Amino acid sequence: MTLLEFSRGTMLHIALIVFVFGVLWRLVTTFMLGWRKRKSEWRTSAGQSAVKGAIAVGNRSWPHPEFLNRTAFGEAVGYGYHIGLFAIVLLGAPHVVFWKNLFGINASWWPTIPSGIISVVSVVTIFLLLIATIRRYMPPPLRRISNFDDWFTLVILFTLMITGVMAVFGIGGRYELILAAHIIAFNVLLIWFPFSKLMHAFYILPARFFIGYTHAKKGAST
């Protein structure tokens, strides 16, 4: 068995199992924490509170105008590399083929972005990740609150992105080895995901909805 066969065979299957069960475990244990006992009467109906919760998701996904002049650059960098990663993973032609083969689907409707554009997006995303890393390290407050979780995640992402670009452009060595390194980095990301801050991908929108919902039930605004 070659390294490439191992990375997209046995290791990938193990990584997917850890990812699925790890995410489910985190979600179920979070749900089982329960809610605080209600000490006041609800002020609004469940439907009205749900609408307020949905509004809170949108409001909390954008910085307050009062702080925008100080946070605009960081917000743009953050949204930029998140959108870039989303486009690469879900709309890049090689990845679309990978997902279709992995899940055994033949979806002709799944759109893809031309490889030339994806290459540009990949390079820009790496650049934005580099800026985000520098911004995390340079200000002392951000550096103090950053821990192994943050830095290890960045190492995995950089490895994943750089090996992907190297494989596309055919640089850095044999294609099979570069591709194997790329897939191994992806597998490590899958295994690491449920136990890291990356779980915010599953938590962030429900948390914002729940905060808006509960505040509305109490007659408060968010």
C-alpha atoms as a PDB file:
ATOM      1  CA  MET A   1       0.000   0.000   0.000  1.00  0.00           C
ATOM      2  CA  THR A   2       1.427   3.349  -1.047  1.00  0.00           C
ATOM      3  CA  LEU A   3       1.190   6.499   1.062  1.00  0.00           C
ATOM      4  CA  LEU A   4      -1.402   7.931  -1.327  1.00  0.00           C
ATOM      5  CA  GLU A   5      -3.536   4.788  -1.115  1.00  0.00           C
ATOM      6  CA  PHE A   6      -3.327   4.856   2.682  1.00  0.00           C
ATOM      7  CA  SER A   7      -4.220   8.547   2.891  1.00  0.00           C
ATOM      8  CA  ARG A   8      -7.343   8.282   0.748  1.00  0.00           C
ATOM      9  CA  GLY A   9      -8.270   4.812   1.958  1.00  0.00           C
ATOM     10  CA  THR A  10      -7.781   3.595   5.520  1.00  0.00           C
ATOM     11  CA  MET A  11      -6.801   6.945   7.038  1.00  0.00           C
ATOM     12  CA  LEU A  12      -9.658   8.784   5.331  1.00  0.00           C
ATOM     13  CA  HIS A  13     -12.212   6.256   6.603  1.00  0.00           C
ATOM     14  CA  ILE A  14     -10.868   6.534  10.161  1.00  0.00           C
ATOM     15  CA  ALA A  15     -10.880  10.329   9.946  1.00  0.00           C
ATOM     16  CA  LEU A  16     -14.483  10.413   8.732  1.00  0.00           C
ATOM     17  CA  ILE A  17     -15.605   8.107  11.553  1.00  0.00           C
ATOM     18  CA  VAL A  18     -13.852  10.247  14.170  1.00  0.00           C
ATOM     19  CA  PHE A  19     -15.288  13.418  12.629  1.00  0.00           C
ATOM     20  CA  VAL A  20     -18.897  12.215  12.485  1.00  0.00           C
ATOM     21  CA  PHE A  21     -19.009  10.608  15.927  1.00  0.00           C
ATOM     22  CA  GLY A  22     -16.926  13.402  17.468  1.00  0.00           C
ATOM     23  CA  VAL A  23     -19.238  16.133  16.156  1.00  0.00           C
ATOM     24  CA  LEU A  24     -22.334  14.192  17.230  1.00  0.00           C
ATOM     25  CA  TRP A  25     -20.822  13.645  20.681  1.00  0.00           C
ATOM     26  CA  ARG A  26     -20.082  17.362  21.086  1.00  0.00           C
ATOM     27  CA  LEU A  27     -23.565  18.375  19.913  1.00  0.00           C
ATOM     28  CA  VAL A  28     -25.385  15.818  22.069  1.00  0.00           C
ATOM     29  CA  THR A  29     -23.385  16.632  25.212  1.00  0.00           C
ATOM     30  CA  THR A  30     -23.981  20.346  24.651  1.00  0.00           C
ATOM     31  CA  PHE A  31     -27.708  19.731  24.277  1.00  0.00           C
ATOM     32  CA  MET A  32     -27.731  17.627  27.447  1.00  0.00           C
ATOM     33  CA  LEU A  33     -26.396  20.540  29.475  1.00  0.00           C
ATOM     34  CA  GLY A  34     -29.986  21.700  29.569  1.00  0.00           C
ATOM     35  CA  TRP A  35     -31.352  25.153  30.216  1.00  0.00           C
ATOM     36  CA  ARG A  36     -31.638  27.274  33.290  1.00  0.00           C
ATOM     37  CA  LYS A  37     -34.889  27.041  35.164  1.00  0.00           C
ATOM     38  CA  ARG A  38     -37.306  29.741  34.110  1.00  0.00           C
ATOM     39  CA  LYS A  39     -37.820  32.340  36.861  1.00  0.00           C
ATOM     40  CA  SER A  40     -40.084  34.766  35.031  1.00  0.00           C
ATOM     41  CA  GLU A  41     -43.047  34.583  32.695  1.00  0.00           C
ATOM     42  CA  TRP A  42     -42.394  34.644  28.978  1.00  0.00           C
ATOM     43  CA  ARG A  43     -43.218  38.032  27.458  1.00  0.00           C
ATOM     44  CA  THR A  44     -43.627  36.942  23.829  1.00  0.00           C
ATOM     45  CA  SER A  45     -44.907  33.908  21.949  1.00  0.00           C
ATOM     46  CA  ALA A  46     -42.643  31.186  20.635  1.00  0.00           C
ATOM     47  CA  GLY A  47     -43.221  32.355  17.048  1.00  0.00           C
ATOM     48  CA  GLN A  48     -42.317  35.963  17.785  1.00  0.00           C
ATOM     49  CA  SER A  49     -39.250  34.847  19.744  1.00  0.00           C
ATOM     50  CA  ALA A  50     -38.165  32.640  16.850  1.00  0.00           C
ATOM     51  CA  VAL A  51     -38.343  35.633  14.502  1.00  0.00           C
ATOM     52  CA  LYS A  52     -36.249  37.661  16.950  1.00  0.00           C
ATOM     53  CA  GLY A  53     -33.801  34.785  17.122  1.00  0.00           C
ATOM     54  CA  ALA A  54     -33.451  34.734  13.343  1.00  0.00           C
ATOM     55  CA  ILE A  55     -32.904  38.501  13.339  1.00  0.00           C
ATOM     56  CA  ALA A  56     -30.212  38.106  15.996  1.00  0.00           C
ATOM     57  CA  VAL A  57     -28.355  35.670  13.754  1.00  0.00           C
ATOM     58  CA  GLY A  58     -28.095  38.364  11.111  1.00  0.00           C
ATOM     59  CA  ASN A  59     -27.335  41.194  13.534  1.00  0.00           C
ATOM     60  CA  ARG A  60     -24.611  39.256  15.321  1.00  0.00           C
ATOM     61  CA  SER A  61     -22.994  38.266  12.024  1.00  0.00           C
ATOM     62  CA  TRP A  62     -22.064  41.868  11.342  1.00  0.00           C
ATOM     63  CA  PRO A  63     -20.121  44.275  13.597  1.00  0.00           C
ATOM     64  CA  HIS A  64     -21.881  47.149  15.296  1.00  0.00           C
ATOM     65  CA  PRO A  65     -21.498  50.452  13.403  1.00  0.00           C
ATOM     66  CA  GLU A  66     -19.894  52.002  16.495  1.00  0.00           C
ATOM     67  CA  PHE A  67     -16.928  49.632  16.196  1.00  0.00           C
ATOM     68  CA  LEU A  68     -16.785  49.222  12.420  1.00  0.00           C
ATOM     69  CA  ASN A  69     -14.005  51.752  11.843  1.00  0.00           C
ATOM     70  CA  ARG A  70     -11.748  49.777  14.213  1.00  0.00           C
ATOM     71  CA  THR A  71     -12.761  46.235  13.242  1.00  0.00           C
ATOM     72  CA  ALA A  72     -13.553  46.538   9.519  1.00  0.00           C
ATOM     73  CA  PHE A  73     -10.160  45.260   8.340  1.00  0.00           C
ATOM     74  CA  GLY A  74     -10.200  42.235  10.644  1.00  0.00           C
ATOM     75  CA  GLU A  75     -13.791  41.462   9.719  1.00  0.00           C
ATOM     76  CA  ALA A  76     -12.965  41.654   6.005  1.00  0.00           C
ATOM     77  CA  VAL A  77      -9.964  39.323   6.425  1.00  0.00           C
ATOM     78  CA  GLY A  78     -11.983  36.851   8.485  1.00  0.00           C
ATOM     79  CA  TYR A  79     -14.940  36.740   6.112  1.00  0.00           C
ATOM     80  CA  GLY A  80     -12.561  36.673   3.148  1.00  0.00           C
ATOM     81  CA  TYR A  81     -10.670  33.513   4.054  1.00  0.00           C
ATOM     82  CA  HIS A  82     -13.833  31.782   5.295  1.00  0.00           C
ATOM     83  CA  ILE A  83     -15.543  32.456   1.958  1.00  0.00           C
ATOM     84  CA  GLY A  84     -12.381  31.385   0.132  1.00  0.00           C
ATOM     85  CA  LEU A  85     -12.202  28.084   2.024  1.00  0.00           C
ATOM     86  CA  PHE A  86     -15.897  27.471   1.359  1.00  0.00           C
ATOM     87  CA  ALA A  87     -15.486  28.089  -2.381  1.00  0.00           C
ATOM     88  CA  ILE A  88     -12.384  25.887  -2.647  1.00  0.00           C
ATOM     89  CA  VAL A  89     -13.745  22.949  -0.663  1.00  0.00           C
ATOM     90  CA  LEU A  90     -17.267  22.846  -2.085  1.00  0.00           C
ATOM     91  CA  LEU A  91     -16.963  24.375  -5.555  1.00  0.00           C
ATOM     92  CA  GLY A  92     -13.462  23.483  -6.752  1.00  0.00           C
ATOM     93  CA  ALA A  93     -13.749  20.871  -9.521  1.00  0.00           C
ATOM     94  CA  PRO A  94     -11.262  18.327  -8.014  1.00  0.00           C
ATOM     95  CA  HIS A  95     -12.999  18.558  -4.650  1.00  0.00           C
ATOM     96  CA  VAL A  96     -16.454  18.193  -6.183  1.00  0.00           C
ATOM     97  CA  VAL A  97     -15.274  14.976  -7.833  1.00  0.00           C
ATOM     98  CA  PHE A  98     -13.853  13.852  -4.479  1.00  0.00           C
ATOM     99  CA  TRP A  99     -17.151  14.482  -2.657  1.00  0.00           C
ATOM    100  CA  LYS A 100     -19.184  12.776  -5.360  1.00  0.00           C
ATOM    101  CA  ASN A 101     -16.961   9.684  -5.255  1.00  0.00           C
ATOM    102  CA  LEU A 102     -16.872   9.668  -1.456  1.00  0.00           C
ATOM    103  CA  PHE A 103     -20.647   9.750  -1.046  1.00  0.00           C
ATOM    104  CA  GLY A 104     -21.415   7.801  -4.215  1.00  0.00           C
ATOM    105  CA  ILE A 105     -23.606  10.445  -5.809  1.00  0.00           C
ATOM    106  CA  ASN A 106     -23.937  11.555  -9.413  1.00  0.00           C
ATOM    107  CA  ALA A 107     -25.213  15.100  -9.038  1.00  0.00           C
ATOM    108  CA  SER A 108     -25.083  16.962 -12.333  1.00  0.00           C
ATOM    109  CA  TRP A 109     -26.506  20.049 -10.628  1.00  0.00           C
ATOM    110  CA  TRP A 110     -23.446  20.500  -8.379  1.00  0.00           C
ATOM    111  CA  PRO A 111     -21.780  23.684  -9.701  1.00  0.00           C
ATOM    112  CA  THR A 112     -18.034  24.089 -10.035  1.00  0.00           C
ATOM    113  CA  ILE A 113     -15.785  27.129 -10.359  1.00  0.00           C
ATOM    114  CA  PRO A 114     -13.231  27.121 -13.234  1.00  0.00           C
ATOM    115  CA  SER A 115      -9.819  25.854 -12.145  1.00  0.00           C
ATOM    116  CA  GLY A 116      -8.108  29.146 -13.029  1.00  0.00           C
ATOM    117  CA  ILE A 117     -10.390  31.107 -10.715  1.00  0.00           C
ATOM    118  CA  ILE A 118     -10.037  28.512  -7.949  1.00  0.00           C
ATOM    119  CA  SER A 119      -6.239  28.799  -8.217  1.00  0.00           C
ATOM    120  CA  VAL A 120      -6.464  32.562  -7.729  1.00  0.00           C
ATOM    121  CA  VAL A 121      -8.904  32.128  -4.840  1.00  0.00           C
ATOM    122  CA  SER A 122      -6.531  29.603  -3.229  1.00  0.00           C
ATOM    123  CA  VAL A 123      -3.565  31.975  -3.366  1.00  0.00           C
ATOM    124  CA  VAL A 124      -5.654  34.880  -2.038  1.00  0.00           C
ATOM    125  CA  THR A 125      -7.009  32.683   0.770  1.00  0.00           C
ATOM    126  CA  ILE A 126      -3.489  31.667   1.824  1.00  0.00           C
ATOM    127  CA  PHE A 127      -2.521  35.356   1.851  1.00  0.00           C
ATOM    128  CA  LEU A 128      -5.553  36.237   3.997  1.00  0.00           C
ATOM    129  CA  LEU A 129      -4.753  33.385   6.396  1.00  0.00           C
ATOM    130  CA  LEU A 130      -1.222  34.748   6.699  1.00  0.00           C
ATOM    131  CA  ILE A 131      -2.581  38.211   7.518  1.00  0.00           C
ATOM    132  CA  ALA A 132      -4.949  36.707  10.105  1.00  0.00           C
ATOM    133  CA  THR A 133      -2.038  34.818  11.679  1.00  0.00           C
ATOM    134  CA  ILE A 134       0.101  37.959  11.896  1.00  0.00           C
ATOM    135  CA  ARG A 135      -2.792  39.909  13.390  1.00  0.00           C
ATOM    136  CA  ARG A 136      -3.305  37.178  15.988  1.00  0.00           C
ATOM    137  CA  TYR A 137       0.354  37.197  16.983  1.00  0.00           C
ATOM    138  CA  MET A 138       1.217  40.900  16.919  1.00  0.00           C
ATOM    139  CA  PRO A 139      -1.291  42.475  19.382  1.00  0.00           C
ATOM    140  CA  PRO A 140      -0.400  41.296  22.930  1.00  0.00           C
ATOM    141  CA  PRO A 141      -4.052  40.730  24.016  1.00  0.00           C
ATOM    142  CA  LEU A 142      -4.744  38.438  21.050  1.00  0.00           C
ATOM    143  CA  ARG A 143      -1.440  36.648  21.558  1.00  0.00           C
ATOM    144  CA  ARG A 144      -2.247  35.979  25.219  1.00  0.00           C
ATOM    145  CA  ILE A 145      -5.660  34.450  24.500  1.00  0.00           C
ATOM    146  CA  SER A 146      -4.285  32.280  21.670  1.00  0.00           C
ATOM    147  CA  ASN A 147      -3.389  28.739  22.673  1.00  0.00           C
ATOM    148  CA  PHE A 148      -2.299  25.448  21.131  1.00  0.00           C
ATOM    149  CA  ASP A 149      -5.767  24.985  19.663  1.00  0.00           C
ATOM    150  CA  ASP A 150      -5.477  28.153  17.567  1.00  0.00           C
ATOM    151  CA  TRP A 151      -1.906  27.618  16.374  1.00  0.00           C
ATOM    152  CA  PHE A 152      -2.295  23.911  15.560  1.00  0.00           C
ATOM    153  CA  THR A 153      -5.427  24.641  13.548  1.00  0.00           C
ATOM    154  CA  LEU A 154      -3.557  27.298  11.575  1.00  0.00           C
ATOM    155  CA  VAL A 155      -0.669  24.881  10.911  1.00  0.00           C
ATOM    156  CA  ILE A 156      -3.112  22.296   9.536  1.00  0.00           C
ATOM    157  CA  LEU A 157      -4.887  24.876   7.374  1.00  0.00           C
ATOM    158  CA  PHE A 158      -1.644  26.255   5.957  1.00  0.00           C
ATOM    159  CA  THR A 159      -0.392  22.727   5.220  1.00  0.00           C
ATOM    160  CA  LEU A 160      -3.677  21.836   3.569  1.00  0.00           C
ATOM    161  CA  MET A 161      -3.807  24.972   1.444  1.00  0.00           C
ATOM    162  CA  ILE A 162      -0.134  25.034   0.418  1.00  0.00           C
ATOM    163  CA  THR A 163       0.008  21.352  -0.535  1.00  0.00           C
ATOM    164  CA  GLY A 164      -3.187  21.815  -2.523  1.00  0.00           C
ATOM    165  CA  VAL A 165      -1.679  24.680  -4.503  1.00  0.00           C
ATOM    166  CA  MET A 166       1.538  22.705  -4.974  1.00  0.00           C
ATOM    167  CA  ALA A 167      -0.412  19.736  -6.325  1.00  0.00           C
ATOM    168  CA  VAL A 168      -2.377  21.919  -8.754  1.00  0.00           C
ATOM    169  CA  PHE A 169       0.712  23.692 -10.111  1.00  0.00           C
ATOM    170  CA  GLY A 170       2.906  20.561 -10.010  1.00  0.00           C
ATOM    171  CA  ILE A 171       5.659  22.028  -7.868  1.00  0.00           C
ATOM    172  CA  GLY A 172       7.645  20.763  -4.870  1.00  0.00           C
ATOM    173  CA  GLY A 173       8.158  17.140  -5.828  1.00  0.00           C
ATOM    174  CA  ARG A 174       6.303  14.095  -7.088  1.00  0.00           C
ATOM    175  CA  TYR A 175       2.609  14.711  -7.612  1.00  0.00           C
ATOM    176  CA  GLU A 176       1.623  11.529  -5.744  1.00  0.00           C
ATOM    177  CA  LEU A 177       3.555  12.554  -2.618  1.00  0.00           C
ATOM    178  CA  ILE A 178       2.230  16.115  -2.636  1.00  0.00           C
ATOM    179  CA  LEU A 179      -1.320  14.857  -3.119  1.00  0.00           C
ATOM    180  CA  ALA A 180      -0.844  12.331  -0.301  1.00  0.00           C
ATOM    181  CA  ALA A 181       0.395  15.120   1.989  1.00  0.00           C
ATOM    182  CA  HIS A 182      -2.639  17.200   1.017  1.00  0.00           C
ATOM    183  CA  ILE A 183      -5.077  14.397   1.817  1.00  0.00           C
ATOM    184  CA  ILE A 184      -3.269  13.531   5.063  1.00  0.00           C
ATOM    185  CA  ALA A 185      -3.582  17.179   6.160  1.00  0.00           C
ATOM    186  CA  PHE A 186      -7.305  16.994   5.368  1.00  0.00           C
ATOM    187  CA  ASN A 187      -7.630  13.794   7.394  1.00  0.00           C
ATOM    188  CA  VAL A 188      -5.821  15.363  10.343  1.00  0.00           C
ATOM    189  CA  LEU A 189      -8.197  18.328  10.105  1.00  0.00           C
ATOM    190  CA  LEU A 190     -11.194  15.994  10.220  1.00  0.00           C
ATOM    191  CA  ILE A 191      -9.842  14.185  13.293  1.00  0.00           C
ATOM    192  CA  TRP A 192      -8.932  17.441  15.044  1.00  0.00           C
ATOM    193  CA  PHE A 193     -12.186  19.219  14.180  1.00  0.00           C
ATOM    194  CA  PRO A 194     -14.533  17.891  16.917  1.00  0.00           C
ATOM    195  CA  PHE A 195     -12.014  18.571  19.689  1.00  0.00           C
ATOM    196  CA  SER A 196     -11.042  22.090  18.653  1.00  0.00           C
ATOM    197  CA  LYS A 197     -12.469  25.579  18.314  1.00  0.00           C
ATOM    198  CA  LEU A 198     -13.399  24.629  14.762  1.00  0.00           C
ATOM    199  CA  MET A 199     -16.647  23.358  16.283  1.00  0.00           C
ATOM    200  CA  HIS A 200     -17.791  26.962  16.116  1.00  0.00           C
ATOM    201  CA  ALA A 201     -18.879  26.062  12.588  1.00  0.00           C
ATOM    202  CA  PHE A 202     -21.719  24.062  14.185  1.00  0.00           C
ATOM    203  CA  TYR A 203     -22.253  26.244  17.248  1.00  0.00           C
ATOM    204  CA  ILE A 204     -22.154  29.809  16.003  1.00  0.00           C
ATOM    205  CA  LEU A 205     -25.524  30.158  14.249  1.00  0.00           C
ATOM    206  CA  PRO A 206     -27.600  28.097  16.752  1.00  0.00           C
ATOM    207  CA  ALA A 207     -25.961  29.988  19.645  1.00  0.00           C
ATOM    208  CA  ARG A 208     -26.836  33.365  18.149  1.00  0.00           C
ATOM    209  CA  PHE A 209     -30.390  32.201  17.453  1.00  0.00           C
ATOM    210  CA  PHE A 210     -30.804  30.870  20.994  1.00  0.00           C
ATOM    211  CA  ILE A 211     -29.549  34.109  22.546  1.00  0.00           C
ATOM    212  CA  GLY A 212     -31.967  36.175  20.457  1.00  0.00           C
ATOM    213  CA  TYR A 213     -34.793  33.744  21.157  1.00  0.00           C
ATOM    214  CA  THR A 214     -34.366  33.688  24.946  1.00  0.00           C
ATOM    215  CA  HIS A 215     -33.910  37.457  25.166  1.00  0.00           C
ATOM    216  CA  ALA A 216     -37.125  37.971  23.202  1.00  0.00           C
ATOM    217  CA  LYS A 217     -38.974  35.573  25.500  1.00  0.00           C
ATOM    218  CA  LYS A 218     -37.892  37.730  28.432  1.00  0.00           C
ATOM    219  CA  GLY A 219     -38.970  40.927  26.699  1.00  0.00           C
ATOM    220  CA  ALA A 220     -35.424  42.130  26.072  1.00  0.00           C
ATOM    221  CA  SER A 221     -33.644  42.980  22.836  1.00  0.00           C
ATOM    222  CA  THR A 222     -30.217  41.824  21.663  1.00  0.00           C
END
